[in-house]
Amino acid sequence: MTVYTLTVITPLFLYGADQKKPEIRAASVRGQLRYWFRAIEGAGTPDLNQLWTAESEVFGSTAGSSVVSLRFYAQGELKTQSYAMLPHRTERRFQSWQDAISPDQKLRLEMVTRPGIEKVPPKAVRASVVWLLLGGLGKRSRRMFGALESPRLTGKLADGNALANEIGRQLQDIVKPCNLPQVPAFPTLHPDYSRVVVGTVGFQDWESLIKDLFDLLRSDQYRSHERTFGYAMNGRRASPLIAQVRRIGDQYYPVLTAMRSTPDKDIEWSILDNFMDDAEARWNGKTVWGGRLAK
């Protein structure tokens, strides 16, 4: 069994059938683990059938059950509160407020195997590590909400520089890229088609950091290119930018991950490159993985 004791560090908008009542959902964690599994393993093969087989062996498919079961629950009473989902909208009448699981809520994630299998598959553990370093959970998790803190992974780090070094080291150990002949059909952490930037300037609270992210996103330089950062009109595409928060001590640091994939209609990869450059300069950041996205 692999166990993570987690702390919510930015509001977690996570729901089940009732989209107004926050709840703890293991299925949502499973979705994140699948996503990051594909991002890792997809960097090592251009063969989609091979990737699908590898994912199915760990997380199951319609043809067979998963070897990994997840138990995900709150430790203590579940604390919720209403939070603004659009912090860049300064006027309250333009805000979208919704109940969310509050920061500092303690959670426990247990990854267990079915009878007869002694260890959680290493590939599942690696997916969980990358998720907890780069990703989030729930709505708006690509815009710094739903951030989780894992003392197991970051509890001994001293500052933003140490966080950047640790994320870079983990990605070097976990991602084994191959020679991909073209842009992948789905987001991967292949270093030719991804970039991870970690800021070393700490913020005193998560609200200030999220507002600073939106100050950059909504600046004149990028506001007119908003479809590059994802859209929901005339079709839908998730943002290729995953902006997250990690807390070291009492400071909050930005972690930005961008992954290029096809189709790339409406996404100007040179603009996203410029954004990552500006974020790096703004937060004294380091590119710890990958590089330019526009080829």
Protein backbone atom coordinates (compact mmCIF):
# COMPACT_ATOMS: atom_id res chain seq x y z
CA MET A 1 0.00 0.00 0.00
CA THR A 2 1.17 3.52 -0.84
CA VAL A 3 -0.19 6.25 1.43
CA TYR A 4 -0.19 10.03 1.07
CA THR A 5 -1.27 12.39 3.82
CA LEU A 6 -2.32 15.52 1.96
CA THR A 7 -3.28 19.07 2.84
CA VAL A 8 -5.48 21.26 0.65
CA ILE A 9 -3.60 24.53 0.02
CA THR A 10 -5.96 26.32 -2.40
CA PRO A 11 -9.77 25.94 -2.54
CA LEU A 12 -10.74 22.55 -3.93
CA PHE A 13 -13.82 22.64 -6.19
CA LEU A 14 -14.63 18.93 -6.22
CA TYR A 15 -18.18 17.60 -6.67
CA GLY A 16 -20.19 14.50 -7.43
CA ALA A 17 -23.77 14.38 -8.74
CA ASP A 18 -24.62 17.53 -6.78
CA GLN A 19 -22.50 20.27 -8.37
CA LYS A 20 -23.15 22.61 -5.46
CA LYS A 21 -22.02 20.35 -2.64
CA PRO A 22 -18.25 19.63 -2.34
CA GLU A 23 -17.28 16.05 -1.67
CA ILE A 24 -14.22 13.80 -1.67
CA ARG A 25 -14.09 11.67 -4.83
CA ALA A 26 -11.60 8.87 -5.41
CA ALA A 27 -12.77 8.68 -9.05
CA SER A 28 -11.42 12.18 -9.65
CA VAL A 29 -8.01 11.15 -8.31
CA ARG A 30 -8.06 8.11 -10.56
CA GLY A 31 -8.69 10.42 -13.53
CA GLN A 32 -5.66 12.51 -12.58
CA LEU A 33 -3.47 9.44 -12.20
CA ARG A 34 -4.51 8.21 -15.65
CA TYR A 35 -3.78 11.63 -17.16
CA TRP A 36 -0.28 11.88 -15.69
CA PHE A 37 0.40 8.21 -16.46
CA ARG A 38 -0.23 8.98 -20.14
CA ALA A 39 1.89 12.13 -19.93
CA ILE A 40 4.80 10.07 -18.56
CA GLU A 41 4.49 6.90 -20.63
CA GLY A 42 3.49 8.75 -23.79
CA ALA A 43 6.89 10.44 -23.80
CA GLY A 44 8.45 7.02 -24.28
CA THR A 45 6.48 5.64 -27.23
CA PRO A 46 4.76 6.85 -30.40
CA ASP A 47 2.62 3.69 -30.40
CA LEU A 48 -0.85 4.49 -29.04
CA ASN A 49 -1.79 0.82 -28.78
CA GLN A 50 1.27 0.16 -26.64
CA LEU A 51 0.36 3.09 -24.42
CA TRP A 52 -3.25 1.95 -24.08
CA THR A 53 -2.11 -1.56 -23.14
CA ALA A 54 0.25 -0.19 -20.47
CA GLU A 55 -2.45 2.02 -18.99
CA SER A 56 -5.01 -0.79 -19.00
CA GLU A 57 -2.61 -3.14 -17.20
CA VAL A 58 -2.40 -0.70 -14.30
CA PHE A 59 -5.72 1.15 -14.20
CA GLY A 60 -8.01 -1.30 -15.97
CA SER A 61 -10.33 -1.05 -18.97
CA THR A 62 -13.66 -2.44 -20.14
CA ALA A 63 -11.84 -5.74 -20.63
CA GLY A 64 -10.47 -6.02 -17.09
CA SER A 65 -10.37 -4.45 -13.65
CA SER A 66 -7.65 -2.21 -12.26
CA VAL A 67 -4.90 -3.71 -10.13
CA VAL A 68 -4.97 -0.48 -8.07
CA SER A 69 -7.81 0.59 -5.79
CA LEU A 70 -7.98 4.07 -4.29
CA ARG A 71 -9.29 5.12 -0.91
CA PHE A 72 -9.60 8.87 -0.60
CA TYR A 73 -11.19 10.53 2.40
CA ALA A 74 -11.10 13.53 4.71
CA GLN A 75 -9.37 13.37 8.04
CA GLY A 76 -11.72 15.01 10.47
CA GLU A 77 -14.80 17.02 9.59
CA LEU A 78 -14.95 18.20 5.98
CA LYS A 79 -14.63 21.98 5.99
CA THR A 80 -16.16 23.99 3.14
CA GLN A 81 -16.63 27.65 2.32
CA SER A 82 -17.63 29.82 -0.65
CA TYR A 83 -14.75 31.10 -2.82
CA ALA A 84 -14.44 33.21 -5.96
CA MET A 85 -13.55 31.08 -8.98
CA LEU A 86 -12.56 34.11 -11.09
CA PRO A 87 -10.17 36.14 -8.93
CA HIS A 88 -9.24 38.47 -11.78
CA ARG A 89 -12.79 39.88 -11.77
CA THR A 90 -12.53 42.66 -9.21
CA GLU A 91 -16.22 43.56 -9.07
CA ARG A 92 -18.24 41.14 -7.00
CA ARG A 93 -21.16 41.18 -9.44
CA PHE A 94 -18.87 39.64 -12.07
CA GLN A 95 -17.55 36.98 -9.73
CA SER A 96 -18.52 33.32 -9.79
CA TRP A 97 -18.71 32.12 -6.20
CA GLN A 98 -19.01 28.45 -5.32
CA ASP A 99 -18.60 26.25 -2.27
CA ALA A 100 -15.29 24.42 -2.12
CA ILE A 101 -13.24 22.33 0.27
CA SER A 102 -11.26 24.82 2.31
CA PRO A 103 -7.48 25.20 2.50
CA ASP A 104 -5.79 23.35 5.38
CA GLN A 105 -8.26 20.46 5.14
CA LYS A 106 -6.39 17.21 5.78
CA LEU A 107 -6.96 14.33 3.35
CA ARG A 108 -5.67 10.78 3.10
CA LEU A 109 -5.04 8.89 -0.13
CA GLU A 110 -4.40 5.16 -0.03
CA MET A 111 -3.33 3.24 -3.11
CA VAL A 112 -3.90 -0.45 -2.51
CA THR A 113 -3.75 -3.57 -4.67
CA ARG A 114 -6.27 -6.30 -5.16
CA PRO A 115 -5.67 -9.66 -3.41
CA GLY A 116 -2.70 -11.59 -4.76
CA ILE A 117 -0.72 -8.53 -5.82
CA GLU A 118 1.83 -7.53 -3.20
CA LYS A 119 3.02 -4.11 -4.35
CA VAL A 120 1.42 -1.11 -5.97
CA PRO A 121 2.82 -1.06 -9.53
CA PRO A 122 5.79 1.36 -9.74
CA LYS A 123 4.21 3.07 -12.76
CA ALA A 124 1.16 3.97 -10.66
CA VAL A 125 3.39 5.36 -7.91
CA ARG A 126 5.36 7.41 -10.44
CA ALA A 127 2.12 8.84 -11.83
CA SER A 128 1.07 9.85 -8.31
CA VAL A 129 4.42 11.57 -7.70
CA VAL A 130 4.24 13.63 -10.89
CA TRP A 131 0.59 14.52 -10.22
CA LEU A 132 1.39 15.75 -6.71
CA LEU A 133 4.34 17.80 -7.97
CA LEU A 134 2.76 19.34 -11.08
CA GLY A 135 -1.01 18.89 -10.97
CA GLY A 136 -4.12 19.61 -8.95
CA LEU A 137 -7.64 18.33 -8.49
CA GLY A 138 -11.15 19.50 -9.32
CA LYS A 139 -12.47 22.49 -11.23
CA ARG A 140 -10.03 25.27 -12.08
CA SER A 141 -7.08 23.03 -11.20
CA ARG A 142 -5.21 24.43 -14.23
CA ARG A 143 -5.47 27.87 -12.68
CA MET A 144 -3.95 27.14 -9.26
CA PHE A 145 -7.08 25.88 -7.51
CA GLY A 146 -7.26 22.38 -6.05
CA ALA A 147 -3.60 22.40 -5.02
CA LEU A 148 -2.48 19.64 -2.64
CA GLU A 149 0.55 19.49 -0.37
CA SER A 150 2.35 16.20 0.25
CA PRO A 151 4.87 16.27 3.12
CA ARG A 152 6.18 12.97 1.79
CA LEU A 153 7.38 14.73 -1.38
CA THR A 154 8.11 18.31 -0.35
CA GLY A 155 8.10 18.35 3.44
CA LYS A 156 11.89 18.53 3.80
CA LEU A 157 12.49 21.23 1.18
CA ALA A 158 13.73 24.62 2.32
CA ASP A 159 12.60 27.07 -0.37
CA GLY A 160 11.63 27.62 -4.00
CA ASN A 161 15.08 26.75 -5.29
CA ALA A 162 14.94 23.41 -3.51
CA LEU A 163 11.44 22.83 -4.92
CA ALA A 164 12.67 23.55 -8.45
CA ASN A 165 15.61 21.19 -8.04
CA GLU A 166 13.42 18.43 -6.63
CA ILE A 167 10.85 18.65 -9.43
CA GLY A 168 13.63 18.59 -12.02
CA ARG A 169 15.27 15.60 -10.35
CA GLN A 170 12.03 13.64 -10.14
CA LEU A 171 11.19 14.26 -13.79
CA GLN A 172 14.69 13.19 -14.82
CA ASP A 173 14.24 9.95 -12.87
CA ILE A 174 10.67 9.23 -13.99
CA VAL A 175 10.28 10.33 -17.61
CA LYS A 176 12.22 8.25 -20.16
CA PRO A 177 11.69 9.94 -23.53
CA CYS A 178 12.13 8.29 -26.90
CA ASN A 179 12.65 9.88 -30.31
CA LEU A 180 9.17 11.11 -31.28
CA PRO A 181 8.99 11.81 -35.02
CA GLN A 182 6.21 14.38 -34.71
CA VAL A 183 4.11 16.36 -32.25
CA PRO A 184 2.24 13.84 -30.07
CA ALA A 185 -1.52 13.44 -30.38
CA PHE A 186 -2.04 14.02 -26.65
CA PRO A 187 -0.18 15.94 -23.92
CA THR A 188 3.05 14.29 -22.84
CA LEU A 189 6.08 15.26 -20.80
CA HIS A 190 8.41 14.58 -23.68
CA PRO A 191 11.10 17.29 -23.26
CA ASP A 192 10.80 18.30 -26.94
CA TYR A 193 7.12 19.11 -26.46
CA SER A 194 6.81 20.28 -22.87
CA ARG A 195 8.20 22.82 -20.44
CA VAL A 196 8.05 23.04 -16.66
CA VAL A 197 8.85 26.34 -14.93
CA VAL A 198 9.12 26.65 -11.14
CA GLY A 199 9.13 30.10 -9.55
CA THR A 200 11.54 30.74 -6.69
CA VAL A 201 9.82 33.92 -5.44
CA GLY A 202 7.55 32.97 -2.56
CA PHE A 203 4.17 34.57 -1.79
CA GLN A 204 2.78 35.00 1.70
CA ASP A 205 -0.64 33.61 0.78
CA TRP A 206 -2.26 31.70 -2.07
CA GLU A 207 -4.67 34.52 -2.91
CA SER A 208 -1.81 36.87 -3.82
CA LEU A 209 -0.17 34.27 -6.03
CA ILE A 210 -3.36 33.42 -7.93
CA LYS A 211 -4.10 37.11 -8.49
CA ASP A 212 -0.55 37.63 -9.75
CA LEU A 213 -1.00 34.77 -12.23
CA PHE A 214 -4.18 36.38 -13.55
CA ASP A 215 -2.52 39.77 -13.72
CA LEU A 216 -0.09 38.22 -16.21
CA LEU A 217 -2.71 36.16 -18.06
CA ARG A 218 -5.02 39.15 -18.44
CA SER A 219 -2.30 41.64 -19.36
CA ASP A 220 -2.48 43.42 -22.72
CA GLN A 221 0.19 41.10 -24.12
CA TYR A 222 -1.88 37.95 -23.63
CA ARG A 223 -5.51 38.98 -23.30
CA SER A 224 -5.96 39.18 -27.08
CA HIS A 225 -4.56 35.63 -27.39
CA GLU A 226 -6.84 34.06 -24.81
CA ARG A 227 -7.71 31.06 -27.01
CA THR A 228 -4.07 29.98 -26.73
CA PHE A 229 -4.77 29.31 -23.05
CA GLY A 230 -7.85 27.12 -23.59
CA TYR A 231 -11.44 27.88 -24.49
CA ALA A 232 -15.01 26.63 -24.14
CA MET A 233 -16.77 28.40 -27.03
CA ASN A 234 -17.21 26.91 -30.53
CA GLY A 235 -15.77 23.63 -29.38
CA ARG A 236 -13.80 23.04 -26.24
CA ARG A 237 -10.12 22.63 -25.53
CA ALA A 238 -8.52 22.38 -22.13
CA SER A 239 -5.70 24.81 -21.52
CA PRO A 240 -2.26 23.48 -22.51
CA LEU A 241 -1.01 25.41 -19.48
CA ILE A 242 -1.34 23.82 -16.04
CA ALA A 243 -0.62 26.48 -13.42
CA GLN A 244 -0.33 25.18 -9.88
CA VAL A 245 0.80 26.16 -6.39
CA ARG A 246 3.16 24.40 -4.01
CA ARG A 247 3.75 25.44 -0.42
CA ILE A 248 7.15 25.20 1.23
CA GLY A 249 7.06 26.27 4.86
CA ASP A 250 4.81 29.33 4.95
CA GLN A 251 5.54 30.44 1.38
CA TYR A 252 3.60 29.69 -1.80
CA TYR A 253 5.38 29.06 -5.11
CA PRO A 254 4.13 28.83 -8.72
CA VAL A 255 4.66 25.68 -10.79
CA LEU A 256 3.76 25.96 -14.49
CA THR A 257 3.58 23.03 -16.90
CA ALA A 258 2.89 23.40 -20.63
CA MET A 259 2.53 20.43 -22.98
CA ARG A 260 2.16 20.65 -26.74
CA SER A 261 -0.07 18.23 -28.64
CA THR A 262 -2.25 18.09 -31.74
CA PRO A 263 -4.64 19.35 -32.91
CA ASP A 264 -3.12 22.77 -32.32
CA LYS A 265 -5.72 24.93 -34.09
CA ASP A 266 -6.14 28.31 -32.36
CA ILE A 267 -3.13 27.77 -30.12
CA GLU A 268 -0.16 30.03 -30.85
CA TRP A 269 2.72 28.12 -29.33
CA SER A 270 5.11 31.04 -29.71
CA ILE A 271 2.74 33.08 -27.52
CA LEU A 272 2.75 30.34 -24.89
CA ASP A 273 6.55 30.30 -25.08
CA ASN A 274 6.56 34.05 -24.44
CA PHE A 275 4.19 33.59 -21.51
CA MET A 276 6.47 30.99 -19.92
CA ASP A 277 9.44 33.30 -20.45
CA ASP A 278 7.58 36.19 -18.78
CA ALA A 279 6.45 33.98 -15.89
CA GLU A 280 10.04 32.82 -15.40
CA ALA A 281 11.26 36.42 -15.28
CA ARG A 282 8.37 37.59 -13.09
CA TRP A 283 8.90 34.93 -10.43
CA ASN A 284 12.67 34.43 -10.78
CA GLY A 285 11.83 31.00 -12.10
CA LYS A 286 13.77 28.09 -13.50
CA THR A 287 12.93 25.90 -16.46
CA VAL A 288 13.50 22.51 -14.84
CA TRP A 289 12.25 20.37 -17.73
CA GLY A 290 11.89 20.70 -21.48
CA GLY A 291 12.12 23.92 -23.43
CA ARG A 292 10.62 25.81 -26.38
CA LEU A 293 7.20 24.67 -27.54
CA ALA A 294 7.11 26.39 -30.93
CA LYS A 295 9.12 24.37 -33.48
